[in-house]
N, C-alpha and C. Protein backbone atom coordinates (compact mmCIF):
# COMPACT_ATOMS: atom_id res chain seq x y z
N UNK A 1 -40.53 13.17 -50.61
CA UNK A 1 -39.86 12.78 -49.36
C UNK A 1 -39.71 11.26 -49.27
N UNK A 2 -40.63 10.52 -49.91
CA UNK A 2 -40.59 9.08 -49.87
C UNK A 2 -39.39 8.54 -50.56
N UNK A 3 -38.86 9.21 -51.55
CA UNK A 3 -37.71 8.74 -52.27
C UNK A 3 -36.35 8.94 -51.59
N UNK A 4 -36.42 9.55 -50.37
CA UNK A 4 -35.22 9.81 -49.64
C UNK A 4 -34.73 8.65 -48.76
N UNK A 5 -35.68 7.82 -48.36
CA UNK A 5 -35.39 6.74 -47.43
C UNK A 5 -34.42 5.71 -47.93
N UNK A 6 -34.58 5.22 -49.12
CA UNK A 6 -33.76 4.16 -49.64
C UNK A 6 -32.28 4.64 -49.81
N UNK A 7 -32.06 5.83 -50.39
CA UNK A 7 -30.66 6.27 -50.49
C UNK A 7 -30.00 6.47 -49.14
N UNK A 8 -30.75 6.96 -48.13
CA UNK A 8 -30.20 7.13 -46.78
C UNK A 8 -29.85 5.78 -46.18
N UNK A 9 -30.64 4.75 -46.33
CA UNK A 9 -30.33 3.48 -45.85
C UNK A 9 -29.09 2.91 -46.52
N UNK A 10 -29.03 2.98 -47.82
CA UNK A 10 -27.90 2.47 -48.58
C UNK A 10 -26.60 3.20 -48.19
N UNK A 11 -26.67 4.53 -48.06
CA UNK A 11 -25.46 5.28 -47.70
C UNK A 11 -25.03 4.96 -46.28
N UNK A 12 -25.99 4.71 -45.41
CA UNK A 12 -25.65 4.32 -44.08
C UNK A 12 -24.99 2.95 -43.99
N UNK A 13 -25.48 2.03 -44.81
CA UNK A 13 -24.83 0.69 -44.91
C UNK A 13 -23.44 0.77 -45.48
N UNK A 14 -23.27 1.61 -46.44
CA UNK A 14 -21.93 1.76 -47.05
C UNK A 14 -21.01 2.37 -46.04
N UNK A 15 -21.42 3.39 -45.26
CA UNK A 15 -20.60 3.99 -44.24
C UNK A 15 -20.24 3.01 -43.19
N UNK A 16 -21.19 2.13 -42.77
CA UNK A 16 -20.83 1.13 -41.79
C UNK A 16 -19.85 0.12 -42.35
N UNK A 17 -19.97 -0.26 -43.62
CA UNK A 17 -19.01 -1.20 -44.23
C UNK A 17 -17.65 -0.59 -44.32
N UNK A 18 -17.56 0.67 -44.66
CA UNK A 18 -16.26 1.36 -44.71
C UNK A 18 -15.66 1.48 -43.32
N UNK A 19 -16.48 1.77 -42.37
CA UNK A 19 -15.98 1.87 -41.00
C UNK A 19 -15.46 0.56 -40.46
N UNK A 20 -16.16 -0.53 -40.80
CA UNK A 20 -15.73 -1.87 -40.38
C UNK A 20 -14.39 -2.19 -41.08
N UNK A 21 -14.32 -1.86 -42.35
CA UNK A 21 -13.08 -2.14 -43.14
C UNK A 21 -11.93 -1.36 -42.57
N UNK A 22 -12.12 -0.13 -42.22
CA UNK A 22 -11.02 0.67 -41.65
C UNK A 22 -10.65 0.12 -40.26
N UNK A 23 -11.63 -0.28 -39.48
CA UNK A 23 -11.33 -0.79 -38.12
C UNK A 23 -10.62 -2.12 -38.16
N UNK A 24 -11.02 -3.01 -39.03
CA UNK A 24 -10.45 -4.36 -39.04
C UNK A 24 -9.44 -4.65 -40.17
N UNK A 25 -9.01 -3.63 -40.87
CA UNK A 25 -8.10 -3.76 -42.04
C UNK A 25 -6.74 -4.35 -41.56
N UNK A 26 -6.32 -4.02 -40.38
CA UNK A 26 -5.06 -4.48 -39.88
C UNK A 26 -5.06 -5.98 -39.53
N UNK A 27 -6.25 -6.52 -39.34
CA UNK A 27 -6.38 -7.94 -39.02
C UNK A 27 -6.48 -8.84 -40.21
N UNK A 28 -6.65 -8.25 -41.41
CA UNK A 28 -6.67 -9.03 -42.64
C UNK A 28 -5.22 -9.02 -43.15
N UNK A 29 -4.54 -10.18 -43.09
CA UNK A 29 -3.11 -10.24 -43.36
C UNK A 29 -2.72 -9.88 -44.79
N UNK A 30 -3.52 -10.16 -45.78
CA UNK A 30 -3.18 -9.93 -47.20
C UNK A 30 -3.51 -8.53 -47.62
N UNK A 31 -4.34 -7.79 -46.87
CA UNK A 31 -4.75 -6.48 -47.28
C UNK A 31 -3.56 -5.51 -47.12
N UNK A 32 -3.21 -4.88 -48.26
CA UNK A 32 -2.10 -3.98 -48.28
C UNK A 32 -0.75 -4.60 -48.64
N UNK A 33 -0.80 -5.92 -48.85
CA UNK A 33 0.42 -6.64 -49.26
C UNK A 33 0.19 -7.50 -50.48
N UNK A 34 -0.67 -7.03 -51.32
CA UNK A 34 -0.95 -7.76 -52.56
C UNK A 34 0.12 -7.56 -53.59
N UNK A 35 0.30 -8.54 -54.49
CA UNK A 35 1.25 -8.29 -55.61
C UNK A 35 0.68 -7.12 -56.43
N UNK A 36 1.52 -6.20 -56.68
CA UNK A 36 1.05 -4.98 -57.41
C UNK A 36 1.04 -3.79 -56.54
N UNK A 37 1.14 -3.94 -55.20
CA UNK A 37 1.24 -2.82 -54.30
C UNK A 37 2.70 -2.31 -54.42
N UNK A 38 2.86 -1.02 -54.46
CA UNK A 38 4.18 -0.42 -54.72
C UNK A 38 4.76 -0.01 -53.38
N UNK A 39 5.98 -0.51 -53.09
CA UNK A 39 6.72 -0.18 -51.89
C UNK A 39 8.16 0.05 -52.22
N UNK A 40 8.61 1.25 -51.98
CA UNK A 40 10.02 1.64 -52.24
C UNK A 40 10.65 2.05 -50.93
N UNK A 41 11.81 1.48 -50.65
CA UNK A 41 12.46 1.88 -49.44
C UNK A 41 13.94 2.13 -49.74
N UNK A 42 14.38 3.35 -49.38
CA UNK A 42 15.75 3.80 -49.55
C UNK A 42 16.31 4.08 -48.17
N UNK A 43 17.47 4.66 -48.04
CA UNK A 43 18.05 4.95 -46.76
C UNK A 43 17.17 5.84 -45.87
N UNK A 44 16.84 7.05 -46.37
CA UNK A 44 16.08 7.96 -45.61
C UNK A 44 14.69 8.26 -46.21
N UNK A 45 14.22 7.32 -46.94
CA UNK A 45 12.94 7.56 -47.68
C UNK A 45 12.22 6.22 -47.85
N UNK A 46 10.94 6.24 -47.60
CA UNK A 46 10.11 5.07 -47.97
C UNK A 46 8.79 5.57 -48.52
N UNK A 47 8.32 4.86 -49.53
CA UNK A 47 7.12 5.23 -50.27
C UNK A 47 6.31 3.97 -50.43
N UNK A 48 4.99 4.08 -50.08
CA UNK A 48 4.08 2.97 -50.19
C UNK A 48 2.82 3.44 -50.86
N UNK A 49 2.44 2.72 -51.91
CA UNK A 49 1.19 2.97 -52.63
C UNK A 49 0.48 1.69 -52.90
N UNK A 50 -0.63 1.44 -52.24
CA UNK A 50 -1.35 0.17 -52.39
C UNK A 50 -2.23 0.14 -53.65
N UNK A 51 -1.55 0.00 -54.78
CA UNK A 51 -2.28 0.06 -56.11
C UNK A 51 -3.25 -1.15 -56.25
N UNK A 52 -2.73 -2.32 -56.06
CA UNK A 52 -3.60 -3.51 -56.22
C UNK A 52 -4.68 -3.58 -55.20
N UNK A 53 -4.35 -3.21 -53.95
CA UNK A 53 -5.39 -3.18 -52.90
C UNK A 53 -6.49 -2.17 -53.25
N UNK A 54 -6.08 -0.99 -53.78
CA UNK A 54 -7.03 0.01 -54.14
C UNK A 54 -7.94 -0.45 -55.26
N UNK A 55 -7.40 -1.16 -56.22
CA UNK A 55 -8.19 -1.66 -57.33
C UNK A 55 -9.15 -2.70 -56.85
N UNK A 56 -8.69 -3.63 -55.96
CA UNK A 56 -9.54 -4.67 -55.42
C UNK A 56 -10.71 -4.04 -54.61
N UNK A 57 -10.40 -3.11 -53.74
CA UNK A 57 -11.46 -2.47 -52.95
C UNK A 57 -12.44 -1.68 -53.83
N UNK A 58 -11.93 -1.05 -54.83
CA UNK A 58 -12.81 -0.37 -55.80
C UNK A 58 -13.77 -1.30 -56.50
N UNK A 59 -13.21 -2.41 -56.91
CA UNK A 59 -14.08 -3.42 -57.63
C UNK A 59 -15.13 -3.98 -56.66
N UNK A 60 -14.77 -4.32 -55.46
CA UNK A 60 -15.74 -4.77 -54.50
C UNK A 60 -16.82 -3.76 -54.18
N UNK A 61 -16.42 -2.54 -54.02
CA UNK A 61 -17.40 -1.49 -53.73
C UNK A 61 -18.31 -1.28 -54.90
N UNK A 62 -17.79 -1.34 -56.13
CA UNK A 62 -18.58 -1.16 -57.34
C UNK A 62 -19.61 -2.34 -57.44
N UNK A 63 -19.14 -3.51 -57.10
CA UNK A 63 -20.06 -4.67 -57.15
C UNK A 63 -21.18 -4.55 -56.13
N UNK A 64 -20.84 -4.13 -54.94
CA UNK A 64 -21.86 -3.94 -53.90
C UNK A 64 -22.87 -2.85 -54.29
N UNK A 65 -22.38 -1.72 -54.78
CA UNK A 65 -23.32 -0.65 -55.18
C UNK A 65 -24.15 -1.12 -56.41
N UNK A 66 -23.56 -1.89 -57.32
CA UNK A 66 -24.35 -2.38 -58.45
C UNK A 66 -25.45 -3.30 -57.97
N UNK A 67 -25.15 -4.18 -56.99
CA UNK A 67 -26.19 -5.10 -56.49
C UNK A 67 -27.30 -4.30 -55.80
N UNK A 68 -26.97 -3.22 -55.09
CA UNK A 68 -28.03 -2.45 -54.44
C UNK A 68 -28.90 -1.67 -55.41
N UNK A 69 -28.35 -1.30 -56.59
CA UNK A 69 -29.16 -0.63 -57.57
C UNK A 69 -30.13 -1.48 -58.33
N UNK A 70 -29.89 -2.78 -58.30
CA UNK A 70 -30.76 -3.67 -59.06
C UNK A 70 -32.06 -3.86 -58.32
């Protein structure tokens, strides 16, 4: 039971960080508009895929998790 505390704290911090990111993502002007994000707009169709933003967020999350594992 003692080994359960640390993972719960880390997962709680990750959830808080993700919640803050979702809440304040609209206030970060460059988030979602990076070079490499795919945006196609036609007459009756629009498609948006934040490829570069997803890669950046994945790298940041991987770095944070790697730091917590050390």
